[in-house]
Amino acid sequence: MWRRISNLIKGFLSLFISGIERENPRALIEAEKENLRKQIARFNDNLATHAGFCERLMRQIKNLEAQERDLTAKAVANLKVGNRNAAAQYALQLKTVKEQLDENRSQLQAAEDTYKKLVASRDVAVKDAQAKIEKLKRMLTETEMMEAQAELQEMANGMISSIGGSGDTMNRLEEYLSERRDKAAGKARVAASTIDSSKVELMEAEQQALADQALTEFAASYGLEVPGAAQPTIAAEEPTAAPAPPAKDMGPQKQ
């Protein structure tokens, strides 16, 4: 029973975590990058340990080579002076040193090969992981771009269908404005039809007459002539006969 409950709880937790992972792919990528850095650090630590083993073998080989040269020299020297027993002991020690030297050289060669393989495998694994992470980044970017484009397309389709549909706000507003414009035009037409044009023309004629009279008086006061005004007609006077000379009372009169 407890196992079933535990499996059910694990299933719910797995679903919850899977949902969070789906909603946060960028966080998963960052987590994988951090995990890769940690793995590389651990691998490098182990690789350093293996490199230390190689260095220890190299040091042992150098010491055995020094012992080999020393024992060889001692064995040769004792053999030359006829000290056979000492030469035999040195020869036996030299044989043991050579066996150890050969074994250490074999171990060093194997360790060096293993070190190179480990370095190569690390580089390949790191490059592969980095390539996967970069691929995931590109996929995430492309996915986000495509989701944004799809969302914009859906918004555009919604706007087209909603704006062009019947009963939408813009159509209602256009209808309201058309009604107000037609009503205002009708009011202006009614107001224009109620104006008495005869009274307007009479008022204009009176104003023009008063203006002409004022202009005439102004020109007369300054002795000016009004351009275009009618000139007064002067009757042509008939020539009169010359007056008769006065009669003379004294002296001869001329007939």
C-alpha atoms as a PDB file:
ATOM      1  CA  MET A   1       0.000   0.000   0.000  1.00  0.00           C
ATOM      2  CA  TRP A   2       2.731   2.420   0.968  1.00  0.00           C
ATOM      3  CA  ARG A   3       4.599   1.505  -2.187  1.00  0.00           C
ATOM      4  CA  ARG A   4       1.536   2.347  -4.288  1.00  0.00           C
ATOM      5  CA  ILE A   5       1.142   5.672  -2.481  1.00  0.00           C
ATOM      6  CA  SER A   6       4.831   6.372  -2.976  1.00  0.00           C
ATOM      7  CA  ASN A   7       4.567   5.593  -6.708  1.00  0.00           C
ATOM      8  CA  LEU A   8       1.516   7.868  -6.979  1.00  0.00           C
ATOM      9  CA  ILE A   9       3.354  10.722  -5.258  1.00  0.00           C
ATOM     10  CA  LYS A  10       6.363  10.208  -7.503  1.00  0.00           C
ATOM     11  CA  GLY A  11       4.081  10.235 -10.538  1.00  0.00           C
ATOM     12  CA  PHE A  12       2.487  13.535  -9.487  1.00  0.00           C
ATOM     13  CA  LEU A  13       5.895  15.056  -8.796  1.00  0.00           C
ATOM     14  CA  SER A  14       7.166  13.832 -12.154  1.00  0.00           C
ATOM     15  CA  LEU A  15       4.192  15.400 -13.955  1.00  0.00           C
ATOM     16  CA  PHE A  16       4.656  18.646 -12.039  1.00  0.00           C
ATOM     17  CA  ILE A  17       8.372  18.792 -12.792  1.00  0.00           C
ATOM     18  CA  SER A  18       7.784  17.877 -16.449  1.00  0.00           C
ATOM     19  CA  GLY A  19       5.320  20.754 -16.735  1.00  0.00           C
ATOM     20  CA  ILE A  20       7.814  23.154 -15.216  1.00  0.00           C
ATOM     21  CA  GLU A  21      10.512  21.911 -17.603  1.00  0.00           C
ATOM     22  CA  ARG A  22       8.227  22.431 -20.588  1.00  0.00           C
ATOM     23  CA  GLU A  23       7.515  25.986 -19.473  1.00  0.00           C
ATOM     24  CA  ASN A  24      11.185  26.813 -18.801  1.00  0.00           C
ATOM     25  CA  PRO A  25      13.402  25.328 -21.538  1.00  0.00           C
ATOM     26  CA  ARG A  26      15.976  28.096 -21.159  1.00  0.00           C
ATOM     27  CA  ALA A  27      16.435  27.172 -17.512  1.00  0.00           C
ATOM     28  CA  LEU A  28      16.997  23.542 -18.538  1.00  0.00           C
ATOM     29  CA  ILE A  29      19.682  24.613 -21.013  1.00  0.00           C
ATOM     30  CA  GLU A  30      21.434  26.668 -18.339  1.00  0.00           C
ATOM     31  CA  ALA A  31      21.215  23.703 -15.954  1.00  0.00           C
ATOM     32  CA  GLU A  32      22.775  21.421 -18.581  1.00  0.00           C
ATOM     33  CA  LYS A  33      25.570  23.931 -19.143  1.00  0.00           C
ATOM     34  CA  GLU A  34      26.267  24.032 -15.412  1.00  0.00           C
ATOM     35  CA  ASN A  35      26.143  20.238 -15.251  1.00  0.00           C
ATOM     36  CA  LEU A  36      28.619  20.050 -18.147  1.00  0.00           C
ATOM     37  CA  ARG A  37      31.013  22.397 -16.337  1.00  0.00           C
ATOM     38  CA  LYS A  38      30.820  20.254 -13.213  1.00  0.00           C
ATOM     39  CA  GLN A  39      31.425  17.056 -15.170  1.00  0.00           C
ATOM     40  CA  ILE A  40      34.418  18.599 -16.924  1.00  0.00           C
ATOM     41  CA  ALA A  41      35.819  19.696 -13.564  1.00  0.00           C
ATOM     42  CA  ARG A  42      35.437  16.175 -12.087  1.00  0.00           C
ATOM     43  CA  PHE A  43      36.926  14.602 -15.193  1.00  0.00           C
ATOM     44  CA  ASN A  44      39.875  16.954 -15.077  1.00  0.00           C
ATOM     45  CA  ASP A  45      40.452  16.067 -11.438  1.00  0.00           C
ATOM     46  CA  ASN A  46      40.551  12.350 -12.286  1.00  0.00           C
ATOM     47  CA  LEU A  47      42.713  13.100 -15.290  1.00  0.00           C
ATOM     48  CA  ALA A  48      45.117  15.012 -13.058  1.00  0.00           C
ATOM     49  CA  THR A  49      45.308  11.991 -10.758  1.00  0.00           C
ATOM     50  CA  HIS A  50      46.144   9.775 -13.714  1.00  0.00           C
ATOM     51  CA  ALA A  51      48.744  12.283 -14.896  1.00  0.00           C
ATOM     52  CA  GLY A  52      50.276  12.174 -11.391  1.00  0.00           C
ATOM     53  CA  PHE A  53      50.528   8.381 -11.678  1.00  0.00           C
ATOM     54  CA  CYS A  54      52.388   8.803 -14.979  1.00  0.00           C
ATOM     55  CA  GLU A  55      54.752  11.290 -13.403  1.00  0.00           C
ATOM     56  CA  ARG A  56      55.460   8.876 -10.521  1.00  0.00           C
ATOM     57  CA  LEU A  57      56.259   6.096 -12.988  1.00  0.00           C
ATOM     58  CA  MET A  58      58.598   8.411 -14.870  1.00  0.00           C
ATOM     59  CA  ARG A  59      60.379   9.272 -11.644  1.00  0.00           C
ATOM     60  CA  GLN A  60      60.698   5.581 -10.718  1.00  0.00           C
ATOM     61  CA  ILE A  61      62.089   4.803 -14.147  1.00  0.00           C
ATOM     62  CA  LYS A  62      64.690   7.502 -13.753  1.00  0.00           C
ATOM     63  CA  ASN A  63      65.714   6.113 -10.361  1.00  0.00           C
ATOM     64  CA  LEU A  64      65.882   2.537 -11.731  1.00  0.00           C
ATOM     65  CA  GLU A  65      67.961   3.719 -14.682  1.00  0.00           C
ATOM     66  CA  ALA A  66      70.372   5.357 -12.244  1.00  0.00           C
ATOM     67  CA  GLN A  67      70.525   2.140 -10.227  1.00  0.00           C
ATOM     68  CA  GLU A  68      71.081   0.178 -13.424  1.00  0.00           C
ATOM     69  CA  ARG A  69      74.061   2.313 -14.366  1.00  0.00           C
ATOM     70  CA  ASP A  70      75.489   2.120 -10.849  1.00  0.00           C
ATOM     71  CA  LEU A  71      75.070  -1.660 -10.528  1.00  0.00           C
ATOM     72  CA  THR A  72      76.489  -2.214 -13.992  1.00  0.00           C
ATOM     73  CA  ALA A  73      79.561  -0.194 -13.137  1.00  0.00           C
ATOM     74  CA  LYS A  74      80.062  -2.038  -9.845  1.00  0.00           C
ATOM     75  CA  ALA A  75      79.600  -5.464 -11.417  1.00  0.00           C
ATOM     76  CA  VAL A  76      82.089  -4.666 -14.191  1.00  0.00           C
ATOM     77  CA  ALA A  77      84.624  -3.281 -11.706  1.00  0.00           C
ATOM     78  CA  ASN A  78      84.467  -6.309  -9.404  1.00  0.00           C
ATOM     79  CA  LEU A  79      84.627  -8.676 -12.335  1.00  0.00           C
ATOM     80  CA  LYS A  80      87.747  -6.986 -13.641  1.00  0.00           C
ATOM     81  CA  VAL A  81      89.572  -7.266 -10.319  1.00  0.00           C
ATOM     82  CA  GLY A  82      88.557 -10.907 -10.004  1.00  0.00           C
ATOM     83  CA  ASN A  83      86.003 -10.405  -7.195  1.00  0.00           C
ATOM     84  CA  ARG A  84      83.592 -12.897  -8.627  1.00  0.00           C
ATOM     85  CA  ASN A  85      81.214 -13.207  -5.700  1.00  0.00           C
ATOM     86  CA  ALA A  86      80.652  -9.444  -5.433  1.00  0.00           C
ATOM     87  CA  ALA A  87      80.284  -9.182  -9.166  1.00  0.00           C
ATOM     88  CA  ALA A  88      77.682 -11.973  -9.064  1.00  0.00           C
ATOM     89  CA  GLN A  89      75.682 -10.159  -6.332  1.00  0.00           C
ATOM     90  CA  TYR A  90      75.735  -6.944  -8.318  1.00  0.00           C
ATOM     91  CA  ALA A  91      74.692  -8.810 -11.425  1.00  0.00           C
ATOM     92  CA  LEU A  92      71.745 -10.365  -9.568  1.00  0.00           C
ATOM     93  CA  GLN A  93      70.615  -6.943  -8.269  1.00  0.00           C
ATOM     94  CA  LEU A  94      71.055  -5.541 -11.780  1.00  0.00           C
ATOM     95  CA  LYS A  95      68.782  -8.236 -13.167  1.00  0.00           C
ATOM     96  CA  THR A  96      66.072  -7.370 -10.654  1.00  0.00           C
ATOM     97  CA  VAL A  97      66.417  -3.663 -11.423  1.00  0.00           C
ATOM     98  CA  LYS A  98      66.142  -4.328 -15.147  1.00  0.00           C
ATOM     99  CA  GLU A  99      62.992  -6.385 -14.627  1.00  0.00           C
ATOM    100  CA  GLN A 100      61.457  -3.583 -12.566  1.00  0.00           C
ATOM    101  CA  LEU A 101      62.582  -1.056 -15.160  1.00  0.00           C
ATOM    102  CA  ASP A 102      60.984  -2.990 -17.999  1.00  0.00           C
ATOM    103  CA  GLU A 103      57.768  -3.359 -16.022  1.00  0.00           C
ATOM    104  CA  ASN A 104      57.661   0.352 -15.145  1.00  0.00           C
ATOM    105  CA  ARG A 105      58.345   1.313 -18.744  1.00  0.00           C
ATOM    106  CA  SER A 106      55.459  -0.870 -19.889  1.00  0.00           C
ATOM    107  CA  GLN A 107      53.195   0.650 -17.243  1.00  0.00           C
ATOM    108  CA  LEU A 108      54.281   4.159 -18.245  1.00  0.00           C
ATOM    109  CA  GLN A 109      53.573   3.462 -21.909  1.00  0.00           C
ATOM    110  CA  ALA A 110      50.138   2.092 -21.064  1.00  0.00           C
ATOM    111  CA  ALA A 111      49.455   5.016 -18.735  1.00  0.00           C
ATOM    112  CA  GLU A 112      50.526   7.546 -21.377  1.00  0.00           C
ATOM    113  CA  ASP A 113      48.286   5.893 -23.958  1.00  0.00           C
ATOM    114  CA  THR A 114      45.409   5.899 -21.502  1.00  0.00           C
ATOM    115  CA  TYR A 115      46.028   9.566 -20.682  1.00  0.00           C
ATOM    116  CA  LYS A 116      45.948  10.517 -24.367  1.00  0.00           C
ATOM    117  CA  LYS A 117      42.759   8.517 -24.899  1.00  0.00           C
ATOM    118  CA  LEU A 118      41.147  10.133 -21.870  1.00  0.00           C
ATOM    119  CA  VAL A 119      42.054  13.616 -23.097  1.00  0.00           C
ATOM    120  CA  ALA A 120      40.721  12.813 -26.563  1.00  0.00           C
ATOM    121  CA  SER A 121      37.494  11.346 -25.188  1.00  0.00           C
ATOM    122  CA  ARG A 122      37.063  14.387 -22.921  1.00  0.00           C
ATOM    123  CA  ASP A 123      37.514  16.769 -25.824  1.00  0.00           C
ATOM    124  CA  VAL A 124      35.087  14.793 -27.981  1.00  0.00           C
ATOM    125  CA  ALA A 125      32.509  14.601 -25.209  1.00  0.00           C
ATOM    126  CA  VAL A 126      32.816  18.310 -24.445  1.00  0.00           C
ATOM    127  CA  LYS A 127      32.519  19.272 -28.095  1.00  0.00           C
ATOM    128  CA  ASP A 128      29.520  17.005 -28.520  1.00  0.00           C
ATOM    129  CA  ALA A 129      27.823  18.423 -25.426  1.00  0.00           C
ATOM    130  CA  GLN A 130      28.569  21.985 -26.499  1.00  0.00           C
ATOM    131  CA  ALA A 131      27.205  21.267 -29.983  1.00  0.00           C
ATOM    132  CA  LYS A 132      24.010  19.847 -28.459  1.00  0.00           C
ATOM    133  CA  ILE A 133      23.638  22.864 -26.183  1.00  0.00           C
ATOM    134  CA  GLU A 134      24.135  25.260 -29.106  1.00  0.00           C
ATOM    135  CA  LYS A 135      21.634  23.262 -31.149  1.00  0.00           C
ATOM    136  CA  LEU A 136      19.129  23.486 -28.304  1.00  0.00           C
ATOM    137  CA  LYS A 137      19.723  27.233 -28.093  1.00  0.00           C
ATOM    138  CA  ARG A 138      19.065  27.624 -31.808  1.00  0.00           C
ATOM    139  CA  MET A 139      15.983  25.438 -31.581  1.00  0.00           C
ATOM    140  CA  LEU A 140      14.736  27.476 -28.638  1.00  0.00           C
ATOM    141  CA  THR A 141      15.317  30.733 -30.497  1.00  0.00           C
ATOM    142  CA  GLU A 142      13.619  29.429 -33.628  1.00  0.00           C
ATOM    143  CA  THR A 143      10.743  28.069 -31.552  1.00  0.00           C
ATOM    144  CA  GLU A 144      10.255  31.394 -29.793  1.00  0.00           C
ATOM    145  CA  MET A 145      10.376  33.233 -33.132  1.00  0.00           C
ATOM    146  CA  MET A 146       7.862  30.849 -34.698  1.00  0.00           C
ATOM    147  CA  GLU A 147       5.594  31.114 -31.666  1.00  0.00           C
ATOM    148  CA  ALA A 148       5.765  34.903 -31.858  1.00  0.00           C
ATOM    149  CA  GLN A 149       4.983  34.823 -35.591  1.00  0.00           C
ATOM    150  CA  ALA A 150       2.094  32.441 -35.011  1.00  0.00           C
ATOM    151  CA  GLU A 151       0.743  34.650 -32.243  1.00  0.00           C
ATOM    152  CA  LEU A 152       0.999  37.735 -34.458  1.00  0.00           C
ATOM    153  CA  GLN A 153      -0.696  35.879 -37.299  1.00  0.00           C
ATOM    154  CA  GLU A 154      -3.514  34.804 -35.006  1.00  0.00           C
ATOM    155  CA  MET A 155      -3.857  38.365 -33.762  1.00  0.00           C
ATOM    156  CA  ALA A 156      -3.936  39.654 -37.349  1.00  0.00           C
ATOM    157  CA  ASN A 157      -6.569  37.092 -38.329  1.00  0.00           C
ATOM    158  CA  GLY A 158      -8.612  37.999 -35.277  1.00  0.00           C
ATOM    159  CA  MET A 159      -8.328  41.703 -36.064  1.00  0.00           C
ATOM    160  CA  ILE A 160      -9.411  41.174 -39.670  1.00  0.00           C
ATOM    161  CA  SER A 161     -12.390  39.069 -38.700  1.00  0.00           C
ATOM    162  CA  SER A 162     -13.435  41.360 -35.853  1.00  0.00           C
ATOM    163  CA  ILE A 163     -12.913  44.679 -37.662  1.00  0.00           C
ATOM    164  CA  GLY A 164     -14.676  43.588 -40.838  1.00  0.00           C
ATOM    165  CA  GLY A 165     -17.549  41.876 -39.059  1.00  0.00           C
ATOM    166  CA  SER A 166     -21.038  43.262 -38.467  1.00  0.00           C
ATOM    167  CA  GLY A 167     -21.842  45.049 -35.237  1.00  0.00           C
ATOM    168  CA  ASP A 168     -18.251  45.933 -34.458  1.00  0.00           C
ATOM    169  CA  THR A 169     -17.295  49.202 -32.817  1.00  0.00           C
ATOM    170  CA  MET A 170     -15.846  50.876 -35.898  1.00  0.00           C
ATOM    171  CA  ASN A 171     -18.935  50.169 -38.007  1.00  0.00           C
ATOM    172  CA  ARG A 172     -21.202  51.472 -35.276  1.00  0.00           C
ATOM    173  CA  LEU A 173     -19.076  54.596 -34.942  1.00  0.00           C
ATOM    174  CA  GLU A 174     -19.232  55.188 -38.708  1.00  0.00           C
ATOM    175  CA  GLU A 175     -23.006  54.804 -38.605  1.00  0.00           C
ATOM    176  CA  TYR A 176     -23.320  57.272 -35.723  1.00  0.00           C
ATOM    177  CA  LEU A 177     -21.155  59.850 -37.479  1.00  0.00           C
ATOM    178  CA  SER A 178     -23.087  59.448 -40.729  1.00  0.00           C
ATOM    179  CA  GLU A 179     -26.353  60.066 -38.901  1.00  0.00           C
ATOM    180  CA  ARG A 180     -24.987  63.177 -37.184  1.00  0.00           C
ATOM    181  CA  ARG A 181     -23.597  64.536 -40.466  1.00  0.00           C
ATOM    182  CA  ASP A 182     -26.874  63.978 -42.337  1.00  0.00           C
ATOM    183  CA  LYS A 183     -28.843  65.573 -39.529  1.00  0.00           C
ATOM    184  CA  ALA A 184     -26.538  68.615 -39.438  1.00  0.00           C
ATOM    185  CA  ALA A 185     -26.835  69.001 -43.228  1.00  0.00           C
ATOM    186  CA  GLY A 186     -30.611  68.848 -42.951  1.00  0.00           C
ATOM    187  CA  LYS A 187     -30.655  71.530 -40.258  1.00  0.00           C
ATOM    188  CA  ALA A 188     -28.495  73.781 -42.400  1.00  0.00           C
ATOM    189  CA  ARG A 189     -30.852  73.298 -45.369  1.00  0.00           C
ATOM    190  CA  VAL A 190     -33.921  74.100 -43.273  1.00  0.00           C
ATOM    191  CA  ALA A 191     -32.252  77.234 -41.852  1.00  0.00           C
ATOM    192  CA  ALA A 192     -31.304  78.401 -45.340  1.00  0.00           C
ATOM    193  CA  SER A 193     -34.863  77.967 -46.592  1.00  0.00           C
ATOM    194  CA  THR A 194     -36.277  80.200 -43.831  1.00  0.00           C
ATOM    195  CA  ILE A 195     -34.155  83.264 -44.733  1.00  0.00           C
ATOM    196  CA  ASP A 196     -36.188  86.145 -46.527  1.00  0.00           C
ATOM    197  CA  SER A 197     -33.958  87.073 -49.427  1.00  0.00           C
ATOM    198  CA  SER A 198     -36.008  90.196 -50.305  1.00  0.00           C
ATOM    199  CA  LYS A 199     -35.288  91.739 -46.924  1.00  0.00           C
ATOM    200  CA  VAL A 200     -31.628  90.986 -47.332  1.00  0.00           C
ATOM    201  CA  GLU A 201     -31.533  92.621 -50.760  1.00  0.00           C
ATOM    202  CA  LEU A 202     -33.435  95.695 -49.452  1.00  0.00           C
ATOM    203  CA  MET A 203     -31.014  96.078 -46.561  1.00  0.00           C
ATOM    204  CA  GLU A 204     -28.081  95.806 -48.939  1.00  0.00           C
ATOM    205  CA  ALA A 205     -29.597  98.504 -51.236  1.00  0.00           C
ATOM    206  CA  GLU A 206     -30.192 100.869 -48.292  1.00  0.00           C
ATOM    207  CA  GLN A 207     -26.640 100.402 -47.047  1.00  0.00           C
ATOM    208  CA  GLN A 208     -25.262 101.069 -50.554  1.00  0.00           C
ATOM    209  CA  ALA A 209     -27.387 104.245 -50.926  1.00  0.00           C
ATOM    210  CA  LEU A 210     -26.247 105.581 -47.572  1.00  0.00           C
ATOM    211  CA  ALA A 211     -22.641 104.856 -48.521  1.00  0.00           C
ATOM    212  CA  ASP A 212     -23.030 106.690 -51.872  1.00  0.00           C
ATOM    213  CA  GLN A 213     -24.612 109.698 -50.170  1.00  0.00           C
ATOM    214  CA  ALA A 214     -21.805 109.882 -47.619  1.00  0.00           C
ATOM    215  CA  LEU A 215     -19.224 109.727 -50.412  1.00  0.00           C
ATOM    216  CA  THR A 216     -20.942 112.486 -52.362  1.00  0.00           C
ATOM    217  CA  GLU A 217     -21.045 114.764 -49.322  1.00  0.00           C
ATOM    218  CA  PHE A 218     -17.380 114.057 -48.609  1.00  0.00           C
ATOM    219  CA  ALA A 219     -16.342 114.876 -52.177  1.00  0.00           C
ATOM    220  CA  ALA A 220     -18.408 118.061 -52.208  1.00  0.00           C
ATOM    221  CA  SER A 221     -16.891 119.303 -48.974  1.00  0.00           C
ATOM    222  CA  TYR A 222     -13.377 118.944 -50.400  1.00  0.00           C
ATOM    223  CA  GLY A 223     -14.201 120.056 -53.917  1.00  0.00           C
ATOM    224  CA  LEU A 224     -13.541 116.653 -55.428  1.00  0.00           C
ATOM    225  CA  GLU A 225     -15.264 114.804 -58.141  1.00  0.00           C
ATOM    226  CA  VAL A 226     -16.656 111.416 -57.555  1.00  0.00           C
ATOM    227  CA  PRO A 227     -15.475 109.049 -60.324  1.00  0.00           C
ATOM    228  CA  GLY A 228     -18.364 107.617 -62.271  1.00  0.00           C
ATOM    229  CA  ALA A 229     -20.893 110.105 -60.856  1.00  0.00           C
ATOM    230  CA  ALA A 230     -23.409 111.688 -63.268  1.00  0.00           C
ATOM    231  CA  GLN A 231     -22.350 115.241 -64.281  1.00  0.00           C
ATOM    232  CA  PRO A 232     -25.068 118.008 -64.129  1.00  0.00           C
ATOM    233  CA  THR A 233     -26.452 119.047 -67.574  1.00  0.00           C
ATOM    234  CA  ILE A 234     -25.772 122.779 -68.506  1.00  0.00           C
ATOM    235  CA  ALA A 235     -28.291 124.307 -70.968  1.00  0.00           C
ATOM    236  CA  ALA A 236     -26.720 126.037 -73.996  1.00  0.00           C
ATOM    237  CA  GLU A 237     -27.298 129.771 -73.827  1.00  0.00           C
ATOM    238  CA  GLU A 238     -28.475 131.520 -77.006  1.00  0.00           C
ATOM    239  CA  PRO A 239     -26.358 134.507 -78.118  1.00  0.00           C
ATOM    240  CA  THR A 240     -28.045 137.881 -77.347  1.00  0.00           C
ATOM    241  CA  ALA A 241     -28.063 140.867 -79.603  1.00  0.00           C
ATOM    242  CA  ALA A 242     -25.609 143.654 -78.918  1.00  0.00           C
ATOM    243  CA  PRO A 243     -27.160 146.515 -76.978  1.00  0.00           C
ATOM    244  CA  ALA A 244     -28.173 149.523 -78.997  1.00  0.00           C
ATOM    245  CA  PRO A 245     -26.039 152.555 -78.573  1.00  0.00           C
ATOM    246  CA  PRO A 246     -27.604 155.188 -76.388  1.00  0.00           C
ATOM    247  CA  ALA A 247     -29.376 157.992 -78.091  1.00  0.00           C
ATOM    248  CA  LYS A 248     -27.524 161.263 -78.176  1.00  0.00           C
ATOM    249  CA  ASP A 249     -29.341 164.379 -77.210  1.00  0.00           C
ATOM    250  CA  MET A 250     -26.754 166.775 -78.470  1.00  0.00           C
ATOM    251  CA  GLY A 251     -24.740 166.963 -81.719  1.00  0.00           C
ATOM    252  CA  PRO A 252     -25.429 165.451 -85.045  1.00  0.00           C
ATOM    253  CA  GLN A 253     -26.899 162.092 -85.042  1.00  0.00           C
ATOM    254  CA  LYS A 254     -25.685 159.485 -87.363  1.00  0.00           C
ATOM    255  CA  GLN A 255     -28.281 157.810 -89.351  1.00  0.00           C
END
